[in-house]
Protein backbone atom coordinates (compact mmCIF):
# COMPACT_ATOMS: atom_id res chain seq x y z
CA MET A 1 0.01 0.01 0.00
CA PHE A 2 1.19 3.50 -0.78
CA THR A 3 1.48 6.03 2.02
CA ASN A 4 1.40 9.75 1.45
CA ILE A 5 1.66 12.33 4.23
CA PHE A 6 1.77 15.43 2.07
CA ASN A 7 -1.77 15.33 0.57
CA SER A 8 -0.39 15.31 -2.93
CA ALA A 9 0.45 12.71 -5.56
CA LYS A 10 2.08 12.49 -8.95
CA ALA A 11 2.05 10.15 -11.95
CA HIS A 12 4.72 9.98 -14.63
CA ILE A 13 3.00 9.22 -17.92
CA ARG A 14 4.71 7.12 -20.61
CA GLY A 15 3.45 6.12 -24.00
CA GLY A 16 3.19 2.56 -25.23
CA LYS A 17 4.97 0.93 -28.16
CA LYS A 18 2.81 2.68 -30.78
CA TYR A 19 3.28 6.10 -29.11
CA PRO A 20 6.72 6.00 -27.45
CA LYS A 21 7.12 9.81 -27.55
CA ILE A 22 4.26 10.40 -25.10
CA ASN A 23 5.56 11.51 -21.74
CA GLY A 24 4.60 13.90 -19.01
CA THR A 25 3.28 14.29 -15.49
CA VAL A 26 -0.05 14.53 -13.75
CA THR A 27 -0.05 16.07 -10.27
CA PHE A 28 -2.79 15.97 -7.67
CA LYS A 29 -2.95 18.36 -4.68
CA GLU A 30 -5.62 18.36 -2.02
CA THR A 31 -7.18 21.77 -1.35
CA LYS A 32 -10.10 22.69 0.87
CA ASN A 33 -12.38 22.70 -2.21
CA GLY A 34 -11.21 19.44 -3.78
CA ILE A 35 -8.27 18.04 -5.71
CA LEU A 36 -6.36 20.38 -8.02
CA MET A 37 -5.22 18.12 -10.85
CA THR A 38 -2.68 19.39 -13.38
CA ALA A 39 -1.58 17.46 -16.47
CA LYS A 40 1.41 18.37 -18.67
CA ILE A 41 1.84 15.88 -21.51
CA ASN A 42 4.14 15.92 -24.59
CA GLY A 43 4.38 13.74 -27.68
CA LEU A 44 0.61 13.21 -28.17
CA PRO A 45 -0.75 12.11 -31.53
CA GLN A 46 -1.79 15.15 -33.52
CA LYS A 47 -4.87 15.80 -35.57
CA ILE A 48 -3.80 17.11 -38.99
CA GLY A 49 -5.72 19.56 -41.12
CA ASN A 50 -7.85 22.67 -40.60
CA CYS A 51 -9.66 21.28 -37.55
CA THR A 52 -6.77 20.65 -35.17
CA GLY A 53 -6.77 19.92 -31.46
CA LYS A 54 -7.44 16.20 -31.00
CA PHE A 55 -9.55 15.30 -27.91
CA LEU A 56 -8.21 12.32 -25.97
CA GLY A 57 -9.97 10.31 -23.29
CA PHE A 58 -8.34 10.67 -19.88
CA HIS A 59 -9.24 8.51 -16.89
CA ILE A 60 -8.05 7.11 -13.57
CA HIS A 61 -8.23 3.29 -13.77
CA GLU A 62 -8.57 0.82 -10.93
CA GLY A 63 -5.46 -1.27 -11.73
CA ASN A 64 -2.04 -0.74 -10.21
CA SER A 65 0.17 -1.68 -13.15
CA CYS A 66 0.98 -0.29 -16.58
CA THR A 67 1.60 -3.76 -18.02
CA GLY A 68 -0.44 -5.95 -20.31
CA ASN A 69 -0.22 -8.18 -23.36
CA LEU A 70 0.17 -7.90 -27.14
CA GLU A 71 -3.50 -7.01 -27.65
CA ASP A 72 -3.64 -4.41 -24.86
CA GLU A 73 -0.26 -3.34 -23.53
CA PHE A 74 -1.89 -1.58 -20.53
CA LYS A 75 -4.48 -4.30 -19.82
CA ASN A 76 -3.49 -4.51 -16.13
CA ALA A 77 -4.55 -0.89 -15.65
CA LYS A 78 -8.04 -2.47 -15.77
CA THR A 79 -11.19 -0.30 -16.08
CA HIS A 80 -12.23 3.11 -14.80
CA LEU A 81 -12.01 3.59 -11.04
CA ASN A 82 -15.63 3.34 -9.91
CA THR A 83 -15.86 2.65 -6.17
CA THR A 84 -19.27 4.37 -5.95
CA ASN A 85 -20.81 2.09 -8.63
CA CYS A 86 -22.03 5.03 -10.69
CA PRO A 87 -22.68 4.95 -14.47
CA HIS A 88 -20.23 6.60 -16.87
CA PRO A 89 -19.40 9.57 -16.87
CA PHE A 90 -19.88 9.72 -13.10
CA HIS A 91 -17.14 7.22 -12.15
CA ILE A 92 -14.62 8.52 -9.68
CA GLY A 93 -12.01 8.01 -12.42
CA ASP A 94 -13.83 9.94 -15.16
CA LEU A 95 -11.86 13.09 -15.99
CA PRO A 96 -12.20 15.88 -18.55
CA PRO A 97 -10.52 15.07 -21.88
CA LEU A 98 -7.04 16.19 -22.81
CA ILE A 99 -6.93 18.54 -25.79
CA GLU A 100 -3.84 18.06 -27.92
CA ASN A 101 -2.16 21.26 -29.16
CA ASN A 102 0.74 20.54 -31.55
CA GLY A 103 1.41 17.30 -29.62
CA TYR A 104 1.23 18.97 -26.19
CA ALA A 105 -1.59 19.16 -23.65
CA TYR A 106 -1.89 21.20 -20.49
CA MET A 107 -4.89 20.99 -18.22
CA SER A 108 -5.61 22.12 -14.67
CA VAL A 109 -8.96 21.29 -13.10
CA LEU A 110 -10.50 21.24 -9.64
CA ILE A 111 -12.27 17.93 -8.86
CA ASN A 112 -14.17 16.94 -5.71
CA LYS A 113 -14.87 13.29 -6.69
CA PHE A 114 -12.03 11.70 -4.68
CA LYS A 115 -9.27 12.23 -2.11
CA ILE A 116 -5.57 11.50 -2.64
CA LYS A 117 -5.87 8.33 -0.52
CA ASP A 118 -8.50 7.00 -2.97
CA ILE A 119 -6.20 7.18 -6.00
CA LEU A 120 -2.76 6.23 -4.66
CA GLY A 121 -1.41 3.22 -6.46
CA LYS A 122 -4.03 3.46 -9.20
CA THR A 123 -3.23 4.09 -12.87
CA ILE A 124 -4.02 7.06 -15.06
CA ILE A 125 -4.63 6.38 -18.76
CA ILE A 126 -4.65 8.43 -21.95
CA HIS A 127 -6.87 6.91 -24.67
CA SER A 128 -6.60 7.22 -28.45
CA SER A 129 -10.02 8.86 -28.99
CA SER A 130 -12.34 11.28 -27.28
CA ASP A 131 -14.71 10.13 -24.58
CA ASP A 132 -18.36 10.41 -25.68
CA PHE A 133 -19.53 10.70 -22.05
CA THR A 134 -22.41 8.34 -22.85
CA THR A 135 -21.37 4.82 -23.88
CA GLN A 136 -21.20 2.33 -21.01
CA PRO A 137 -19.02 1.41 -19.33
CA SER A 138 -16.14 3.65 -20.51
CA GLY A 139 -17.21 6.25 -23.05
CA ASN A 140 -15.97 4.52 -26.21
CA SER A 141 -12.65 6.36 -25.86
CA GLY A 142 -10.50 3.98 -27.86
CA THR A 143 -7.36 2.10 -26.99
CA LYS A 144 -5.04 2.87 -24.10
CA ILE A 145 -2.00 4.71 -25.52
CA ALA A 146 -0.22 5.94 -22.38
CA CYS A 147 -0.15 5.08 -18.69
CA GLY A 148 1.24 6.17 -15.34
CA ILE A 149 0.98 4.99 -11.74
CA ILE A 150 -0.20 7.52 -9.15
CA LYS A 151 2.29 7.73 -6.27
């Protein structure tokens, strides 16, 4: 079990074999109004053409490993963290999407769905497509392309 006495956590994100250039960090800091989550990610797949800015699904998953198999290299990250048994998009692990900007994404958001203790040791996943916020159980957000463990 992970211990954390500072009310903060961090995940180092790394891309899989198809997207090895993806890297970055996601930080979590408890405040009196919720968790301030900040993501800084580089090397994301880019949308080409006039309509740029690819939306990518972004979730906390219940697994504690960024390992898998040939079909799903992050299979052991498992599914969205959902300790409250709510439908998607109301899982504890459902987050706003990342918006790619020339391969880079920056996002900072205040979330009151969980505490640091609830997410320590869990995985955070970037998906290949946008989350439709409707399809059960995970928003039809495509394959897992990057992963990090929250410590």
